[in-house]
């Protein structure tokens, strides 16, 4: 399900792993970034962190597994 025009409240990652999480405004709880690949987690985490730092909104797709599968800055 797409969640559109949302603010990023917080991001978290653990070094040397594919563990990346975000809190998206209006979406319940921490959402894990789908760990399909290391670069994929890093790229999504970077985009979410940049959106948070710059006060931009994002569109985020959260799949049935309750993980962030796609995102882009609006």
PDB file of N, CA and C in Angstrom:
ATOM      1  N   UNK A   1       0.840  -1.175   0.000  1.00  0.00           N
ATOM      2  CA  UNK A   1       0.000   0.000   0.000  1.00  0.00           C
ATOM      3  C   UNK A   1       0.889   1.244   0.000  1.00  0.00           C
ATOM      4  N   UNK A   2       0.552   2.167  -0.859  1.00  0.00           N
ATOM      5  CA  UNK A   2       1.290   3.426  -0.913  1.00  0.00           C
ATOM      6  C   UNK A   2       0.786   4.385   0.165  1.00  0.00           C
ATOM      7  N   UNK A   3       1.719   5.052   0.809  1.00  0.00           N
ATOM      8  CA  UNK A   3       1.432   6.119   1.767  1.00  0.00           C
ATOM      9  C   UNK A   3       2.064   7.366   1.162  1.00  0.00           C
ATOM     10  N   UNK A   4       1.227   8.312   0.740  1.00  0.00           N
ATOM     11  CA  UNK A   4       1.700   9.463  -0.039  1.00  0.00           C
ATOM     12  C   UNK A   4       1.826  10.728   0.789  1.00  0.00           C
ATOM     13  N   UNK A   5       2.830  11.537   0.407  1.00  0.00           N
ATOM     14  CA  UNK A   5       3.086  12.844   1.017  1.00  0.00           C
ATOM     15  C   UNK A   5       3.242  12.761   2.532  1.00  0.00           C
ATOM     16  N   UNK A   6       4.101  11.856   2.960  1.00  0.00           N
ATOM     17  CA  UNK A   6       4.334  11.638   4.386  1.00  0.00           C
ATOM     18  C   UNK A   6       5.700  12.194   4.789  1.00  0.00           C
ATOM     19  N   UNK A   7       5.780  12.662   6.014  1.00  0.00           N
ATOM     20  CA  UNK A   7       7.051  13.120   6.579  1.00  0.00           C
ATOM     21  C   UNK A   7       7.785  11.930   7.189  1.00  0.00           C
ATOM     22  N   UNK A   8       9.092  12.003   7.158  1.00  0.00           N
ATOM     23  CA  UNK A   8       9.915  10.987   7.812  1.00  0.00           C
ATOM     24  C   UNK A   8      10.221  11.501   9.211  1.00  0.00           C
ATOM     25  N   UNK A   9       9.795  10.766  10.221  1.00  0.00           N
ATOM     26  CA  UNK A   9       9.973  11.176  11.609  1.00  0.00           C
ATOM     27  C   UNK A   9      11.353  10.783  12.118  1.00  0.00           C
ATOM     28  N   UNK A  10      11.799   9.564  11.794  1.00  0.00           N
ATOM     29  CA  UNK A  10      13.096   9.071  12.271  1.00  0.00           C
ATOM     30  C   UNK A  10      13.594   7.965  11.363  1.00  0.00           C
ATOM     31  N   UNK A  11      14.917   7.807  11.324  1.00  0.00           N
ATOM     32  CA  UNK A  11      15.539   6.677  10.621  1.00  0.00           C
ATOM     33  C   UNK A  11      16.557   6.036  11.543  1.00  0.00           C
ATOM     34  N   UNK A  12      16.803   4.749  11.322  1.00  0.00           N
ATOM     35  CA  UNK A  12      17.767   4.014  12.137  1.00  0.00           C
ATOM     36  C   UNK A  12      18.412   2.937  11.276  1.00  0.00           C
ATOM     37  N   UNK A  13      19.698   2.723  11.467  1.00  0.00           N
ATOM     38  CA  UNK A  13      20.393   1.632  10.789  1.00  0.00           C
ATOM     39  C   UNK A  13      21.457   1.075  11.718  1.00  0.00           C
ATOM     40  N   UNK A  14      21.780  -0.179  11.511  1.00  0.00           N
ATOM     41  CA  UNK A  14      22.856  -0.819  12.267  1.00  0.00           C
ATOM     42  C   UNK A  14      24.012  -1.053  11.313  1.00  0.00           C
ATOM     43  N   UNK A  15      25.191  -0.698  11.747  1.00  0.00           N
ATOM     44  CA  UNK A  15      26.380  -0.796  10.910  1.00  0.00           C
ATOM     45  C   UNK A  15      26.654  -2.248  10.498  1.00  0.00           C
ATOM     46  N   UNK A  16      27.128  -2.409   9.265  1.00  0.00           N
ATOM     47  CA  UNK A  16      27.550  -3.701   8.709  1.00  0.00           C
ATOM     48  C   UNK A  16      26.438  -4.741   8.624  1.00  0.00           C
ATOM     49  N   UNK A  17      25.199  -4.312   8.546  1.00  0.00           N
ATOM     50  CA  UNK A  17      24.085  -5.243   8.380  1.00  0.00           C
ATOM     51  C   UNK A  17      23.115  -4.665   7.368  1.00  0.00           C
ATOM     52  N   UNK A  18      22.108  -5.445   7.052  1.00  0.00           N
ATOM     53  CA  UNK A  18      21.046  -4.939   6.184  1.00  0.00           C
ATOM     54  C   UNK A  18      19.842  -4.540   7.033  1.00  0.00           C
ATOM     55  N   UNK A  19      20.113  -3.969   8.225  1.00  0.00           N
ATOM     56  CA  UNK A  19      19.043  -3.523   9.105  1.00  0.00           C
ATOM     57  C   UNK A  19      18.869  -2.021   8.991  1.00  0.00           C
ATOM     58  N   UNK A  20      17.784  -1.611   8.377  1.00  0.00           N
ATOM     59  CA  UNK A  20      17.435  -0.208   8.271  1.00  0.00           C
ATOM     60  C   UNK A  20      15.960  -0.048   8.579  1.00  0.00           C
ATOM     61  N   UNK A  21      15.620   0.982   9.348  1.00  0.00           N
ATOM     62  CA  UNK A  21      14.239   1.196   9.779  1.00  0.00           C
ATOM     63  C   UNK A  21      13.877   2.664   9.637  1.00  0.00           C
ATOM     64  N   UNK A  22      12.584   2.936   9.569  1.00  0.00           N
ATOM     65  CA  UNK A  22      12.109   4.313   9.530  1.00  0.00           C
ATOM     66  C   UNK A  22      10.751   4.414  10.214  1.00  0.00           C
ATOM     67  N   UNK A  23      10.502   5.588  10.780  1.00  0.00           N
ATOM     68  CA  UNK A  23       9.171   5.927  11.263  1.00  0.00           C
ATOM     69  C   UNK A  23       8.620   6.953  10.286  1.00  0.00           C
ATOM     70  N   UNK A  24       7.470   6.624   9.720  1.00  0.00           N
ATOM     71  CA  UNK A  24       6.810   7.483   8.753  1.00  0.00           C
ATOM     72  C   UNK A  24       5.567   8.076   9.421  1.00  0.00           C
ATOM     73  N   UNK A  25       5.404   9.385   9.324  1.00  0.00           N
ATOM     74  CA  UNK A  25       4.268  10.063   9.947  1.00  0.00           C
ATOM     75  C   UNK A  25       2.950   9.448   9.487  1.00  0.00           C
ATOM     76  N   UNK A  26       2.088   9.111  10.443  1.00  0.00           N
ATOM     77  CA  UNK A  26       0.784   8.560  10.127  1.00  0.00           C
ATOM     78  C   UNK A  26       0.762   7.064   9.900  1.00  0.00           C
ATOM     79  N   UNK A  27       1.924   6.416   9.987  1.00  0.00           N
ATOM     80  CA  UNK A  27       2.028   4.964   9.823  1.00  0.00           C
ATOM     81  C   UNK A  27       2.508   4.394  11.150  1.00  0.00           C
ATOM     82  N   UNK A  28       1.856   3.384  11.640  1.00  0.00           N
ATOM     83  CA  UNK A  28       2.122   2.842  12.964  1.00  0.00           C
ATOM     84  C   UNK A  28       3.476   2.124  13.071  1.00  0.00           C
ATOM     85  N   UNK A  29       4.303   2.561  14.014  1.00  0.00           N
ATOM     86  CA  UNK A  29       5.540   1.854  14.376  1.00  0.00           C
ATOM     87  C   UNK A  29       6.695   2.005  13.413  1.00  0.00           C
ATOM     88  N   UNK A  30       7.823   1.420  13.827  1.00  0.00           N
ATOM     89  CA  UNK A  30       9.021   1.368  12.990  1.00  0.00           C
ATOM     90  C   UNK A  30       8.757   0.410  11.842  1.00  0.00           C
ATOM     91  N   UNK A  31       9.158   0.803  10.644  1.00  0.00           N
ATOM     92  CA  UNK A  31       9.019  -0.058   9.477  1.00  0.00           C
ATOM     93  C   UNK A  31      10.408  -0.409   8.958  1.00  0.00           C
ATOM     94  N   UNK A  32      10.651  -1.705   8.794  1.00  0.00           N
ATOM     95  CA  UNK A  32      11.939  -2.163   8.287  1.00  0.00           C
ATOM     96  C   UNK A  32      12.012  -1.936   6.783  1.00  0.00           C
ATOM     97  N   UNK A  33      13.190  -1.541   6.333  1.00  0.00           N
ATOM     98  CA  UNK A  33      13.444  -1.431   4.898  1.00  0.00           C
ATOM     99  C   UNK A  33      13.713  -2.842   4.400  1.00  0.00           C
ATOM    100  N   UNK A  34      12.980  -3.269   3.390  1.00  0.00           N
ATOM    101  CA  UNK A  34      13.091  -4.622   2.871  1.00  0.00           C
ATOM    102  C   UNK A  34      14.556  -4.939   2.545  1.00  0.00           C
ATOM    103  N   UNK A  35      15.123  -5.974   3.189  1.00  0.00           N
ATOM    104  CA  UNK A  35      16.556  -6.260   3.037  1.00  0.00           C
ATOM    105  C   UNK A  35      16.892  -7.108   1.818  1.00  0.00           C
ATOM    106  N   UNK A  36      16.352  -6.745   0.663  1.00  0.00           N
ATOM    107  CA  UNK A  36      16.624  -7.492  -0.559  1.00  0.00           C
ATOM    108  C   UNK A  36      18.118  -7.463  -0.911  1.00  0.00           C
ATOM    109  N   UNK A  37      18.741  -6.310  -0.751  1.00  0.00           N
ATOM    110  CA  UNK A  37      20.181  -6.184  -1.017  1.00  0.00           C
ATOM    111  C   UNK A  37      20.768  -5.090  -0.128  1.00  0.00           C
ATOM    112  N   UNK A  38      22.065  -5.177   0.113  1.00  0.00           N
ATOM    113  CA  UNK A  38      22.731  -4.175   0.938  1.00  0.00           C
ATOM    114  C   UNK A  38      22.613  -2.795   0.312  1.00  0.00           C
ATOM    115  N   UNK A  39      22.872  -2.693  -0.986  1.00  0.00           N
ATOM    116  CA  UNK A  39      22.777  -1.398  -1.661  1.00  0.00           C
ATOM    117  C   UNK A  39      21.347  -0.868  -1.644  1.00  0.00           C
ATOM    118  N   UNK A  40      20.374  -1.747  -1.771  1.00  0.00           N
ATOM    119  CA  UNK A  40      18.979  -1.316  -1.740  1.00  0.00           C
ATOM    120  C   UNK A  40      18.607  -0.706  -0.403  1.00  0.00           C
ATOM    121  N   UNK A  41      19.024  -1.345   0.685  1.00  0.00           N
ATOM    122  CA  UNK A  41      18.750  -0.806   2.024  1.00  0.00           C
ATOM    123  C   UNK A  41      19.441   0.541   2.186  1.00  0.00           C
ATOM    124  N   UNK A  42      20.694   0.629   1.764  1.00  0.00           N
ATOM    125  CA  UNK A  42      21.456   1.872   1.883  1.00  0.00           C
ATOM    126  C   UNK A  42      20.802   2.995   1.074  1.00  0.00           C
ATOM    127  N   UNK A  43      20.399   2.708  -0.146  1.00  0.00           N
ATOM    128  CA  UNK A  43      19.801   3.736  -1.004  1.00  0.00           C
ATOM    129  C   UNK A  43      18.484   4.248  -0.437  1.00  0.00           C
ATOM    130  N   UNK A  44      17.635   3.343   0.024  1.00  0.00           N
ATOM    131  CA  UNK A  44      16.345   3.765   0.600  1.00  0.00           C
ATOM    132  C   UNK A  44      16.582   4.547   1.888  1.00  0.00           C
ATOM    133  N   UNK A  45      17.487   4.056   2.727  1.00  0.00           N
ATOM    134  CA  UNK A  45      17.801   4.745   3.979  1.00  0.00           C
ATOM    135  C   UNK A  45      18.345   6.142   3.702  1.00  0.00           C
ATOM    136  N   UNK A  46      19.241   6.274   2.729  1.00  0.00           N
ATOM    137  CA  UNK A  46      19.786   7.587   2.369  1.00  0.00           C
ATOM    138  C   UNK A  46      18.692   8.543   1.910  1.00  0.00           C
ATOM    139  N   UNK A  47      17.773   8.058   1.084  1.00  0.00           N
ATOM    140  CA  UNK A  47      16.688   8.902   0.601  1.00  0.00           C
ATOM    141  C   UNK A  47      15.798   9.346   1.754  1.00  0.00           C
ATOM    142  N   UNK A  48      15.455   8.423   2.658  1.00  0.00           N
ATOM    143  CA  UNK A  48      14.603   8.776   3.790  1.00  0.00           C
ATOM    144  C   UNK A  48      15.302   9.752   4.734  1.00  0.00           C
ATOM    145  N   UNK A  49      16.603   9.554   4.966  1.00  0.00           N
ATOM    146  CA  UNK A  49      17.356  10.460   5.832  1.00  0.00           C
ATOM    147  C   UNK A  49      17.460  11.852   5.208  1.00  0.00           C
ATOM    148  N   UNK A  50      17.665  11.917   3.899  1.00  0.00           N
ATOM    149  CA  UNK A  50      17.737  13.212   3.212  1.00  0.00           C
ATOM    150  C   UNK A  50      16.393  13.934   3.283  1.00  0.00           C
ATOM    151  N   UNK A  51      15.310  13.190   3.096  1.00  0.00           N
ATOM    152  CA  UNK A  51      13.977  13.799   3.180  1.00  0.00           C
ATOM    153  C   UNK A  51      13.733  14.341   4.590  1.00  0.00           C
ATOM    154  N   UNK A  52      14.133  13.586   5.594  1.00  0.00           N
ATOM    155  CA  UNK A  52      13.956  14.043   6.975  1.00  0.00           C
ATOM    156  C   UNK A  52      14.780  15.304   7.224  1.00  0.00           C
ATOM    157  N   UNK A  53      16.030  15.301   6.802  1.00  0.00           N
ATOM    158  CA  UNK A  53      16.925  16.434   7.044  1.00  0.00           C
ATOM    159  C   UNK A  53      16.449  17.702   6.333  1.00  0.00           C
ATOM    160  N   UNK A  54      15.882  17.548   5.147  1.00  0.00           N
ATOM    161  CA  UNK A  54      15.471  18.707   4.351  1.00  0.00           C
ATOM    162  C   UNK A  54      13.999  19.075   4.526  1.00  0.00           C
ATOM    163  N   UNK A  55      13.281  18.318   5.350  1.00  0.00           N
ATOM    164  CA  UNK A  55      11.869  18.615   5.574  1.00  0.00           C
ATOM    165  C   UNK A  55      10.992  18.317   4.368  1.00  0.00           C
ATOM    166  N   UNK A  56      11.419  17.383   3.538  1.00  0.00           N
ATOM    167  CA  UNK A  56      10.654  16.999   2.348  1.00  0.00           C
ATOM    168  C   UNK A  56       9.711  15.846   2.687  1.00  0.00           C
ATOM    169  N   UNK A  57       8.695  15.662   1.873  1.00  0.00           N
ATOM    170  CA  UNK A  57       7.803  14.519   2.060  1.00  0.00           C
ATOM    171  C   UNK A  57       8.188  13.404   1.098  1.00  0.00           C
ATOM    172  N   UNK A  58       7.713  12.201   1.423  1.00  0.00           N
ATOM    173  CA  UNK A  58       8.007  11.028   0.604  1.00  0.00           C
ATOM    174  C   UNK A  58       6.724  10.253   0.336  1.00  0.00           C
ATOM    175  N   UNK A  59       6.761   9.482  -0.717  1.00  0.00           N
ATOM    176  CA  UNK A  59       5.749   8.464  -0.973  1.00  0.00           C
ATOM    177  C   UNK A  59       6.444   7.139  -0.676  1.00  0.00           C
ATOM    178  N   UNK A  60       5.814   6.316   0.146  1.00  0.00           N
ATOM    179  CA  UNK A  60       6.430   5.074   0.613  1.00  0.00           C
ATOM    180  C   UNK A  60       5.484   3.911   0.361  1.00  0.00           C
ATOM    181  N   UNK A  61       6.019   2.829  -0.214  1.00  0.00           N
ATOM    182  CA  UNK A  61       5.225   1.617  -0.397  1.00  0.00           C
ATOM    183  C   UNK A  61       5.587   0.630   0.700  1.00  0.00           C
ATOM    184  N   UNK A  62       4.568   0.236   1.478  1.00  0.00           N
ATOM    185  CA  UNK A  62       4.750  -0.761   2.532  1.00  0.00           C
ATOM    186  C   UNK A  62       3.948  -1.985   2.117  1.00  0.00           C
ATOM    187  N   UNK A  63       4.668  -3.091   1.911  1.00  0.00           N
ATOM    188  CA  UNK A  63       4.044  -4.309   1.416  1.00  0.00           C
ATOM    189  C   UNK A  63       3.314  -5.092   2.489  1.00  0.00           C
ATOM    190  N   UNK A  64       2.761  -6.216   2.092  1.00  0.00           N
ATOM    191  CA  UNK A  64       2.017  -7.074   3.006  1.00  0.00           C
ATOM    192  C   UNK A  64       2.907  -7.664   4.093  1.00  0.00           C
ATOM    193  N   UNK A  65       4.227  -7.643   3.863  1.00  0.00           N
ATOM    194  CA  UNK A  65       5.183  -8.111   4.877  1.00  0.00           C
ATOM    195  C   UNK A  65       5.507  -7.012   5.899  1.00  0.00           C
ATOM    196  N   UNK A  66       4.831  -5.852   5.796  1.00  0.00           N
ATOM    197  CA  UNK A  66       4.986  -4.703   6.693  1.00  0.00           C
ATOM    198  C   UNK A  66       6.376  -4.074   6.593  1.00  0.00           C
ATOM    199  N   UNK A  67       7.018  -4.194   5.418  1.00  0.00           N
ATOM    200  CA  UNK A  67       8.331  -3.615   5.183  1.00  0.00           C
ATOM    201  C   UNK A  67       8.261  -2.595   4.056  1.00  0.00           C
ATOM    202  N   UNK A  68       9.158  -1.613   4.126  1.00  0.00           N
ATOM    203  CA  UNK A  68       9.246  -0.600   3.071  1.00  0.00           C
ATOM    204  C   UNK A  68       9.920  -1.233   1.858  1.00  0.00           C
ATOM    205  N   UNK A  69       9.201  -1.256   0.743  1.00  0.00           N
ATOM    206  CA  UNK A  69       9.728  -1.864  -0.472  1.00  0.00           C
ATOM    207  C   UNK A  69      10.160  -0.839  -1.510  1.00  0.00           C
ATOM    208  N   UNK A  70       9.571   0.350  -1.473  1.00  0.00           N
ATOM    209  CA  UNK A  70       9.900   1.396  -2.437  1.00  0.00           C
ATOM    210  C   UNK A  70       9.575   2.756  -1.832  1.00  0.00           C
ATOM    211  N   UNK A  71      10.304   3.746  -2.288  1.00  0.00           N
ATOM    212  CA  UNK A  71      10.031   5.108  -1.832  1.00  0.00           C
ATOM    213  C   UNK A  71      10.599   6.098  -2.829  1.00  0.00           C
ATOM    214  N   UNK A  72      10.016   7.267  -2.856  1.00  0.00           N
ATOM    215  CA  UNK A  72      10.601   8.386  -3.600  1.00  0.00           C
ATOM    216  C   UNK A  72      10.197   9.685  -2.943  1.00  0.00           C
ATOM    217  N   UNK A  73      11.061  10.688  -3.107  1.00  0.00           N
ATOM    218  CA  UNK A  73      10.842  11.991  -2.501  1.00  0.00           C
ATOM    219  C   UNK A  73       9.860  12.786  -3.367  1.00  0.00           C
ATOM    220  N   UNK A  74       8.953  13.504  -2.686  1.00  0.00           N
ATOM    221  CA  UNK A  74       7.977  14.301  -3.433  1.00  0.00           C
ATOM    222  C   UNK A  74       8.334  15.765  -3.390  1.00  0.00           C
TER     223      UNK A  74
END
